[in-house]
């Protein structure tokens, strides 16, 4: 399969594709797409979430935690609620494993 970011009407990258890769279990393609998304729109909450989720799928839990926490550490107040919710869900998921 080919990993490639999709641009929609020049408005930016499509994180839905990264989410699709995640659902298919392809962490490498998901990470590739989401890193391109994040480079284009660094304050886009979905890009940060997708990066953390992709790293988690690849079992890079430290990288995933950093991806989830980086926006909070960088002073992106809009992302704080998303990050907190995601960290809780991620913690609950890993506790079930």
C-alpha atoms as a PDB file:
ATOM      1  CA  UNK A   1       0.000   0.000   0.000  1.00  0.00           C
ATOM      2  CA  UNK A   2       1.150   3.508  -0.709  1.00  0.00           C
ATOM      3  CA  UNK A   3       1.185   6.161   2.009  1.00  0.00           C
ATOM      4  CA  UNK A   4       0.354   9.616   0.739  1.00  0.00           C
ATOM      5  CA  UNK A   5      -1.296  12.650   2.306  1.00  0.00           C
ATOM      6  CA  UNK A   6      -4.435  13.843   0.573  1.00  0.00           C
ATOM      7  CA  UNK A   7      -5.037  17.573   0.199  1.00  0.00           C
ATOM      8  CA  UNK A   8      -8.615  18.754   0.042  1.00  0.00           C
ATOM      9  CA  UNK A   9      -9.220  21.955  -1.909  1.00  0.00           C
ATOM     10  CA  UNK A  10      -5.889  23.378  -0.701  1.00  0.00           C
ATOM     11  CA  UNK A  11      -7.335  23.665   2.812  1.00  0.00           C
ATOM     12  CA  UNK A  12      -4.811  21.311   4.298  1.00  0.00           C
ATOM     13  CA  UNK A  13      -4.114  17.648   4.839  1.00  0.00           C
ATOM     14  CA  UNK A  14      -6.814  15.085   5.404  1.00  0.00           C
ATOM     15  CA  UNK A  15      -6.348  13.420   8.783  1.00  0.00           C
ATOM     16  CA  UNK A  16      -9.216  11.072   7.972  1.00  0.00           C
ATOM     17  CA  UNK A  17      -6.791   9.072   5.839  1.00  0.00           C
ATOM     18  CA  UNK A  18      -4.429   8.718   8.776  1.00  0.00           C
ATOM     19  CA  UNK A  19      -7.348   7.532  10.904  1.00  0.00           C
ATOM     20  CA  UNK A  20      -8.194   4.975   8.205  1.00  0.00           C
ATOM     21  CA  UNK A  21      -4.631   3.657   8.303  1.00  0.00           C
ATOM     22  CA  UNK A  22      -4.961   3.368  12.077  1.00  0.00           C
ATOM     23  CA  UNK A  23      -8.183   1.383  11.753  1.00  0.00           C
ATOM     24  CA  UNK A  24      -6.465  -0.905   9.224  1.00  0.00           C
ATOM     25  CA  UNK A  25      -3.635  -1.460  11.704  1.00  0.00           C
ATOM     26  CA  UNK A  26      -0.970   0.167   9.534  1.00  0.00           C
ATOM     27  CA  UNK A  27       0.898   2.359  11.971  1.00  0.00           C
ATOM     28  CA  UNK A  28       3.699   3.234   9.556  1.00  0.00           C
ATOM     29  CA  UNK A  29       1.364   4.741   6.938  1.00  0.00           C
ATOM     30  CA  UNK A  30      -0.723   6.420   9.628  1.00  0.00           C
ATOM     31  CA  UNK A  31       2.403   7.986  11.108  1.00  0.00           C
ATOM     32  CA  UNK A  32       3.667   9.097   7.702  1.00  0.00           C
ATOM     33  CA  UNK A  33       0.377  10.805   6.843  1.00  0.00           C
ATOM     34  CA  UNK A  34      -0.036  12.412  10.231  1.00  0.00           C
ATOM     35  CA  UNK A  35       3.516  13.783  10.337  1.00  0.00           C
ATOM     36  CA  UNK A  36       2.855  15.475   7.004  1.00  0.00           C
ATOM     37  CA  UNK A  37      -0.420  16.822   8.392  1.00  0.00           C
ATOM     38  CA  UNK A  38       1.330  18.127  11.480  1.00  0.00           C
ATOM     39  CA  UNK A  39       4.033  19.813   9.413  1.00  0.00           C
ATOM     40  CA  UNK A  40       1.396  21.666   7.398  1.00  0.00           C
ATOM     41  CA  UNK A  41      -0.877  22.560  10.325  1.00  0.00           C
ATOM     42  CA  UNK A  42       0.989  22.217  13.622  1.00  0.00           C
ATOM     43  CA  UNK A  43      -1.944  23.447  15.726  1.00  0.00           C
ATOM     44  CA  UNK A  44      -4.460  20.996  14.276  1.00  0.00           C
ATOM     45  CA  UNK A  45      -5.644  18.793  17.176  1.00  0.00           C
ATOM     46  CA  UNK A  46      -6.400  15.785  14.995  1.00  0.00           C
ATOM     47  CA  UNK A  47      -2.839  15.709  13.676  1.00  0.00           C
ATOM     48  CA  UNK A  48      -1.416  15.514  17.204  1.00  0.00           C
ATOM     49  CA  UNK A  49      -3.936  12.850  18.172  1.00  0.00           C
ATOM     50  CA  UNK A  50      -3.201  10.782  15.059  1.00  0.00           C
ATOM     51  CA  UNK A  51       0.542  10.954  15.674  1.00  0.00           C
ATOM     52  CA  UNK A  52       0.133   9.724  19.228  1.00  0.00           C
ATOM     53  CA  UNK A  53      -2.257   6.981  18.159  1.00  0.00           C
ATOM     54  CA  UNK A  54       0.065   5.843  15.346  1.00  0.00           C
ATOM     55  CA  UNK A  55       3.064   5.726  17.673  1.00  0.00           C
ATOM     56  CA  UNK A  56       0.992   3.810  20.202  1.00  0.00           C
ATOM     57  CA  UNK A  57       0.010   1.304  17.508  1.00  0.00           C
ATOM     58  CA  UNK A  58       3.702   0.910  16.688  1.00  0.00           C
ATOM     59  CA  UNK A  59       4.293   0.247  20.411  1.00  0.00           C
ATOM     60  CA  UNK A  60       6.359   3.415  20.805  1.00  0.00           C
ATOM     61  CA  UNK A  61       4.559   4.378  23.994  1.00  0.00           C
ATOM     62  CA  UNK A  62       7.090   6.983  25.063  1.00  0.00           C
ATOM     63  CA  UNK A  63       6.835   8.657  21.647  1.00  0.00           C
ATOM     64  CA  UNK A  64       3.049   8.458  21.849  1.00  0.00           C
ATOM     65  CA  UNK A  65       3.012  10.092  25.269  1.00  0.00           C
ATOM     66  CA  UNK A  66       5.310  12.839  23.982  1.00  0.00           C
ATOM     67  CA  UNK A  67       3.068  13.384  20.950  1.00  0.00           C
ATOM     68  CA  UNK A  68       0.018  13.709  23.181  1.00  0.00           C
ATOM     69  CA  UNK A  69       1.785  16.006  25.652  1.00  0.00           C
ATOM     70  CA  UNK A  70       3.767  18.217  23.254  1.00  0.00           C
ATOM     71  CA  UNK A  71       0.865  20.540  22.376  1.00  0.00           C
ATOM     72  CA  UNK A  72       0.126  21.009  26.051  1.00  0.00           C
ATOM     73  CA  UNK A  73       3.776  21.798  26.759  1.00  0.00           C
ATOM     74  CA  UNK A  74       3.888  24.188  23.795  1.00  0.00           C
ATOM     75  CA  UNK A  75       1.032  26.280  25.110  1.00  0.00           C
ATOM     76  CA  UNK A  76      -1.727  25.276  22.694  1.00  0.00           C
ATOM     77  CA  UNK A  77      -4.658  25.910  25.054  1.00  0.00           C
ATOM     78  CA  UNK A  78      -7.236  24.722  22.523  1.00  0.00           C
ATOM     79  CA  UNK A  79      -5.692  21.271  22.574  1.00  0.00           C
ATOM     80  CA  UNK A  80      -5.552  20.760  26.328  1.00  0.00           C
ATOM     81  CA  UNK A  81      -9.048  19.255  26.615  1.00  0.00           C
ATOM     82  CA  UNK A  82      -8.427  16.943  23.645  1.00  0.00           C
ATOM     83  CA  UNK A  83      -5.129  15.825  25.112  1.00  0.00           C
ATOM     84  CA  UNK A  84      -6.535  15.149  28.561  1.00  0.00           C
ATOM     85  CA  UNK A  85      -9.428  13.125  27.153  1.00  0.00           C
ATOM     86  CA  UNK A  86      -7.137  11.165  24.856  1.00  0.00           C
ATOM     87  CA  UNK A  87      -4.663  10.358  27.633  1.00  0.00           C
ATOM     88  CA  UNK A  88      -7.471   9.033  29.804  1.00  0.00           C
ATOM     89  CA  UNK A  89      -8.766   6.836  26.987  1.00  0.00           C
ATOM     90  CA  UNK A  90      -5.267   5.607  26.147  1.00  0.00           C
ATOM     91  CA  UNK A  91      -4.612   4.761  29.792  1.00  0.00           C
ATOM     92  CA  UNK A  92      -7.900   2.850  30.060  1.00  0.00           C
ATOM     93  CA  UNK A  93      -7.137   0.960  26.852  1.00  0.00           C
ATOM     94  CA  UNK A  94      -3.664  -0.105  27.993  1.00  0.00           C
ATOM     95  CA  UNK A  95      -4.987  -1.151  31.392  1.00  0.00           C
ATOM     96  CA  UNK A  96      -7.321  -3.616  29.624  1.00  0.00           C
ATOM     97  CA  UNK A  97      -4.406  -5.278  27.797  1.00  0.00           C
END
